[in-house]
Amino acid sequence: MQSWRQLYWNRSRRRLVDGLTDIVKMTGADLPSRAPKTLFSFNSQDDLRTYATGCDGDIGGNSTVNLTLDGSSHNTQIGKSATAKFWGDMRLDVRPQYQGRVRGGYAAFRNKPRPTLFGDILDNIEFHEYLALRLRVAGDPITHNAYFVNLQTNGPITTDVWQHRLFFQKKNEWEDVFIPFRNFVRTNNGELSEIQLEMSDKLRSVGIALLGGNAGISGKYELNIDSIRIVNEEDAASDLDSDPNSEKEKGQTWEDIKI
């Protein structure tokens, strides 16, 4: 298992090597790559150490959050020995001393910052149209409609979060969910921003949140995650279903997707 110091120097070395390779190969003169790219994987303990979790339990609520490695047999459907499991109890009540001061009902995870000697690593999504997530939703069915994807970019307002609801077509089975970047909406401090700006194409973090407090939803939640990728229209098709277009989201607006 790599230490944080090793991770830091490995990231720095990779960034230096990639930069030198681009110079030698004159990569900047080539057409930008539109090939699918995996941003984050969730298949080992080292993978999971690069993500942070949080919930209302951190500030006085009663929800719990866990992100653990799951080696259950359902992973054989996608040919993996292990995937991450985001799970816990979604609770709306808070501890007595925090009533009226804290709102319960949320749990989340996201990737941690990726610092190097040359600055934080950011993912360029300029030449890709979709965020692609391979997921398996389980737990109490009432919680299935309260998941959201959260993106942070290198935009000028650091508290901005670009958000989109997760729509599932299956229960207890793996599926690929494709979300157009153009359909994410700007939020700040958990509220929809009145002014909607264009999202930056430099991605700092990707996360998933369960927002039970928005709709009065509580219960045991469970979500498996295998990978997060970026793809284009020609690659936004699932190999897990006989109908490759059945899981592709077709341009919902915020009014369509809000809870």
Protein backbone atom coordinates (compact mmCIF):
# COMPACT_ATOMS: atom_id res chain seq x y z
CA MET A 1 0.00 0.00 0.00
CA GLN A 2 1.44 3.35 -1.02
CA SER A 3 1.94 6.14 1.53
CA TRP A 4 0.72 9.67 0.78
CA ARG A 5 4.33 10.73 0.27
CA GLN A 6 4.80 7.98 -2.33
CA LEU A 7 1.54 8.96 -4.05
CA TYR A 8 2.65 12.59 -4.19
CA TRP A 9 6.02 11.81 -5.76
CA ASN A 10 4.54 9.23 -8.13
CA ARG A 11 2.00 11.78 -9.38
CA SER A 12 4.73 14.40 -9.77
CA ARG A 13 6.96 11.99 -11.67
CA ARG A 14 4.13 10.94 -14.00
CA ARG A 15 3.24 14.56 -14.69
CA LEU A 16 6.87 15.41 -15.49
CA VAL A 17 7.26 12.36 -17.75
CA ASP A 18 3.98 13.08 -19.54
CA GLY A 19 5.01 16.67 -20.13
CA LEU A 20 8.40 15.70 -21.52
CA THR A 21 6.81 13.03 -23.71
CA ASP A 22 4.40 15.58 -25.15
CA ILE A 23 7.32 17.87 -25.98
CA VAL A 24 9.37 15.12 -27.64
CA LYS A 25 6.42 13.83 -29.64
CA MET A 26 5.11 17.34 -30.38
CA THR A 27 1.72 16.16 -29.10
CA GLY A 28 0.34 19.69 -29.17
CA ALA A 29 0.39 19.56 -32.95
CA ASP A 30 -1.91 16.50 -33.03
CA LEU A 31 -5.69 16.54 -33.04
CA PRO A 32 -7.06 16.28 -29.47
CA SER A 33 -7.95 12.75 -28.41
CA ARG A 34 -11.65 11.92 -28.18
CA ALA A 35 -11.01 8.36 -26.99
CA PRO A 36 -12.82 7.17 -23.85
CA LYS A 37 -10.78 7.80 -20.72
CA THR A 38 -11.07 6.38 -17.22
CA LEU A 39 -10.76 9.12 -14.62
CA PHE A 40 -11.26 7.07 -11.46
CA SER A 41 -11.30 3.36 -10.58
CA PHE A 42 -12.66 1.70 -7.45
CA ASN A 43 -11.10 -1.76 -7.47
CA SER A 44 -8.43 -1.81 -4.75
CA GLN A 45 -7.64 -0.46 -1.30
CA ASP A 46 -5.12 1.93 -2.86
CA ASP A 47 -7.92 3.26 -5.09
CA LEU A 48 -10.20 3.84 -2.11
CA ARG A 49 -7.52 5.76 -0.20
CA THR A 50 -7.80 8.54 -2.79
CA TYR A 51 -11.43 9.35 -1.85
CA ALA A 52 -12.87 11.33 1.05
CA THR A 53 -16.26 10.74 2.69
CA GLY A 54 -18.57 12.93 4.73
CA CYS A 55 -22.11 13.03 6.14
CA ASP A 56 -24.32 15.03 8.48
CA GLY A 57 -23.04 12.82 11.29
CA ASP A 58 -19.83 14.87 11.14
CA ILE A 59 -21.65 18.00 12.30
CA GLY A 60 -24.33 16.73 14.66
CA GLY A 61 -26.63 14.56 12.55
CA ASN A 62 -27.21 10.81 12.81
CA SER A 63 -26.49 9.58 9.28
CA THR A 64 -23.51 7.30 8.68
CA VAL A 65 -21.21 6.91 5.67
CA ASN A 66 -18.78 4.21 4.57
CA LEU A 67 -16.73 3.60 1.43
CA THR A 68 -15.32 0.08 1.54
CA LEU A 69 -13.97 -2.56 -0.81
CA ASP A 70 -16.63 -5.13 -1.73
CA GLY A 71 -15.59 -8.54 -3.03
CA SER A 72 -19.12 -9.95 -3.37
CA SER A 73 -20.12 -12.31 -6.16
CA HIS A 74 -22.17 -9.66 -7.99
CA ASN A 75 -18.87 -8.25 -9.29
CA THR A 76 -18.52 -11.26 -11.60
CA GLN A 77 -21.07 -9.62 -13.92
CA ILE A 78 -18.47 -7.01 -14.85
CA GLY A 79 -15.42 -9.26 -14.54
CA LYS A 80 -13.98 -7.55 -11.46
CA SER A 81 -12.85 -9.13 -8.22
CA ALA A 82 -13.75 -6.06 -6.15
CA THR A 83 -15.53 -2.72 -6.39
CA ALA A 84 -16.26 0.07 -3.93
CA LYS A 85 -19.40 0.08 -1.81
CA PHE A 86 -20.82 3.43 -0.63
CA TRP A 87 -23.20 2.54 2.19
CA GLY A 88 -24.71 3.47 5.52
CA ASP A 89 -27.85 4.78 7.19
CA MET A 90 -29.56 7.91 5.90
CA ARG A 91 -31.17 9.68 8.87
CA LEU A 92 -33.09 12.94 8.98
CA ASP A 93 -32.99 13.48 12.74
CA VAL A 94 -30.09 15.16 14.51
CA ARG A 95 -28.67 14.92 18.01
CA PRO A 96 -30.75 16.87 20.56
CA GLN A 97 -28.17 19.59 21.16
CA TYR A 98 -28.07 20.35 17.43
CA GLN A 99 -31.81 20.56 16.73
CA GLY A 100 -32.67 23.74 14.86
CA ARG A 101 -28.99 24.34 14.07
CA VAL A 102 -28.09 21.42 11.79
CA ARG A 103 -30.00 19.85 8.92
CA GLY A 104 -29.73 16.07 8.65
CA GLY A 105 -30.01 13.88 5.59
CA TYR A 106 -26.84 13.72 3.51
CA ALA A 107 -23.86 11.46 2.85
CA ALA A 108 -21.23 11.83 0.15
CA PHE A 109 -17.81 10.93 -1.20
CA ARG A 110 -15.44 12.52 -3.71
CA ASN A 111 -11.87 12.15 -4.84
CA LYS A 112 -9.29 13.97 -2.73
CA PRO A 113 -7.13 16.76 -4.21
CA ARG A 114 -4.23 15.42 -6.30
CA PRO A 115 -1.28 17.72 -5.56
CA THR A 116 2.07 17.45 -7.36
CA LEU A 117 5.24 19.55 -7.54
CA PHE A 118 3.64 21.26 -10.54
CA GLY A 119 0.21 21.98 -9.07
CA ASP A 120 -2.97 19.94 -8.62
CA ILE A 121 -3.89 17.39 -11.27
CA LEU A 122 -6.98 18.45 -13.22
CA ASP A 123 -8.82 16.39 -15.83
CA ASN A 124 -9.45 18.03 -19.19
CA ILE A 125 -13.01 17.28 -20.33
CA GLU A 126 -13.03 19.79 -23.21
CA PHE A 127 -13.16 17.10 -25.90
CA HIS A 128 -15.65 14.75 -24.23
CA GLU A 129 -19.44 15.08 -24.01
CA TYR A 130 -20.49 12.60 -21.33
CA LEU A 131 -19.59 11.53 -17.82
CA ALA A 132 -19.96 7.74 -17.68
CA LEU A 133 -20.42 5.90 -14.38
CA ARG A 134 -20.59 2.13 -13.88
CA LEU A 135 -22.82 1.60 -10.84
CA ARG A 136 -25.01 -0.88 -9.00
CA VAL A 137 -27.72 0.49 -6.72
CA ALA A 138 -29.12 -1.54 -3.81
CA GLY A 139 -30.28 -0.77 -0.27
CA ASP A 140 -33.76 0.52 0.58
CA PRO A 141 -35.58 1.31 -2.72
CA ILE A 142 -36.81 4.65 -1.34
CA THR A 143 -33.20 5.90 -1.34
CA HIS A 144 -32.64 5.21 -5.06
CA ASN A 145 -34.11 8.52 -6.19
CA ALA A 146 -31.92 10.71 -3.98
CA TYR A 147 -28.45 10.22 -5.50
CA PHE A 148 -26.63 13.08 -7.22
CA VAL A 149 -23.32 13.46 -9.03
CA ASN A 150 -21.22 16.45 -7.94
CA LEU A 151 -18.44 18.02 -10.02
CA GLN A 152 -15.92 20.60 -8.88
CA THR A 153 -13.87 22.49 -11.46
CA ASN A 154 -11.13 25.11 -11.40
CA GLY A 155 -13.69 27.88 -11.92
CA PRO A 156 -13.32 31.26 -10.18
CA ILE A 157 -15.76 30.45 -7.34
CA THR A 158 -14.30 27.57 -5.36
CA THR A 159 -17.58 26.80 -3.56
CA ASP A 160 -19.45 26.11 -6.80
CA VAL A 161 -20.57 22.51 -7.30
CA TRP A 162 -22.02 21.35 -10.62
CA GLN A 163 -24.75 18.83 -9.95
CA HIS A 164 -26.94 16.29 -11.71
CA ARG A 165 -29.27 13.65 -10.39
CA LEU A 166 -28.52 9.97 -10.96
CA PHE A 167 -31.25 8.04 -12.78
CA PHE A 168 -31.18 4.26 -12.37
CA GLN A 169 -32.84 1.79 -14.70
CA LYS A 170 -32.06 -1.35 -12.66
CA LYS A 171 -31.94 -2.57 -9.07
CA ASN A 172 -29.23 -4.84 -7.68
CA GLU A 173 -27.60 -5.06 -11.12
CA TRP A 174 -24.72 -3.25 -12.74
CA GLU A 175 -25.48 -0.55 -15.28
CA ASP A 176 -23.74 2.25 -17.13
CA VAL A 177 -25.14 5.73 -16.61
CA PHE A 178 -24.24 8.48 -19.11
CA ILE A 179 -24.75 12.14 -18.20
CA PRO A 180 -24.08 14.97 -20.69
CA PHE A 181 -21.79 17.60 -19.21
CA ARG A 182 -24.05 20.28 -20.69
CA ASN A 183 -26.86 19.17 -18.35
CA PHE A 184 -25.05 19.76 -15.07
CA VAL A 185 -26.32 22.78 -13.15
CA ARG A 186 -24.44 25.19 -10.93
CA THR A 187 -25.14 25.04 -7.19
CA ASN A 188 -23.58 26.81 -4.25
CA ASN A 189 -23.88 25.86 -0.58
CA GLY A 190 -26.41 23.21 -1.53
CA GLU A 191 -28.76 25.56 -3.37
CA LEU A 192 -29.42 25.99 -7.08
CA SER A 193 -27.66 29.18 -8.23
CA GLU A 194 -29.85 31.81 -9.85
CA ILE A 195 -27.08 32.63 -12.32
CA GLN A 196 -26.06 29.65 -14.43
CA LEU A 197 -22.54 29.97 -15.83
CA GLU A 198 -20.71 27.79 -18.31
CA MET A 199 -18.88 25.01 -16.51
CA SER A 200 -15.09 24.99 -16.77
CA ASP A 201 -13.60 22.14 -18.79
CA LYS A 202 -10.92 21.47 -16.13
CA LEU A 203 -12.30 18.96 -13.64
CA ARG A 204 -10.95 18.99 -10.09
CA SER A 205 -13.15 16.36 -8.44
CA VAL A 206 -16.05 13.99 -9.01
CA GLY A 207 -18.29 12.78 -6.22
CA ILE A 208 -21.62 11.17 -5.46
CA ALA A 209 -24.00 12.35 -2.75
CA LEU A 210 -27.16 10.92 -1.24
CA LEU A 211 -29.39 13.89 -0.38
CA GLY A 212 -32.16 12.40 1.70
CA GLY A 213 -32.91 15.67 3.44
CA ASN A 214 -34.10 17.25 0.18
CA ALA A 215 -37.10 14.93 -0.02
CA GLY A 216 -37.54 13.55 3.49
CA ILE A 217 -35.96 10.21 2.55
CA SER A 218 -34.36 7.94 5.14
CA GLY A 219 -33.24 4.32 5.16
CA LYS A 220 -30.29 2.03 4.51
CA TYR A 221 -28.46 2.97 1.33
CA GLU A 222 -25.98 1.02 -0.77
CA LEU A 223 -24.26 1.88 -4.04
CA ASN A 224 -21.45 -0.03 -5.73
CA ILE A 225 -19.04 1.91 -7.95
CA ASP A 226 -16.64 0.38 -10.45
CA SER A 227 -15.39 3.31 -12.54
CA ILE A 228 -15.93 6.89 -13.66
CA ARG A 229 -15.03 7.71 -17.27
CA ILE A 230 -15.44 10.43 -19.89
CA VAL A 231 -16.77 9.47 -23.33
CA ASN A 232 -18.38 10.91 -26.45
CA GLU A 233 -21.64 10.18 -28.25
CA GLU A 234 -20.16 7.33 -30.27
CA ASP A 235 -18.98 5.58 -27.09
CA ALA A 236 -21.99 6.32 -24.85
CA ALA A 237 -23.35 2.79 -25.08
CA SER A 238 -23.42 0.10 -22.44
CA ASP A 239 -22.08 -3.40 -23.01
CA LEU A 240 -24.14 -4.63 -20.04
CA ASP A 241 -27.50 -4.48 -21.78
CA SER A 242 -28.93 -5.81 -25.03
CA ASP A 243 -30.28 -2.34 -25.75
CA PRO A 244 -27.20 -0.07 -25.63
CA ASN A 245 -29.27 3.11 -25.71
CA SER A 246 -31.68 2.20 -22.95
CA GLU A 247 -29.55 3.80 -20.22
CA LYS A 248 -28.52 6.98 -21.97
CA GLU A 249 -30.03 10.09 -20.50
CA LYS A 250 -31.78 12.20 -23.13
CA GLY A 251 -31.27 15.84 -22.25
CA GLN A 252 -33.32 16.43 -19.11
CA THR A 253 -33.49 19.95 -17.75
CA TRP A 254 -33.20 20.89 -14.08
CA GLU A 255 -36.98 21.04 -13.84
CA ASP A 256 -37.13 17.43 -15.00
CA ILE A 257 -34.53 16.10 -12.58
CA LYS A 258 -35.00 17.92 -9.31
CA ILE A 259 -36.34 15.94 -6.36
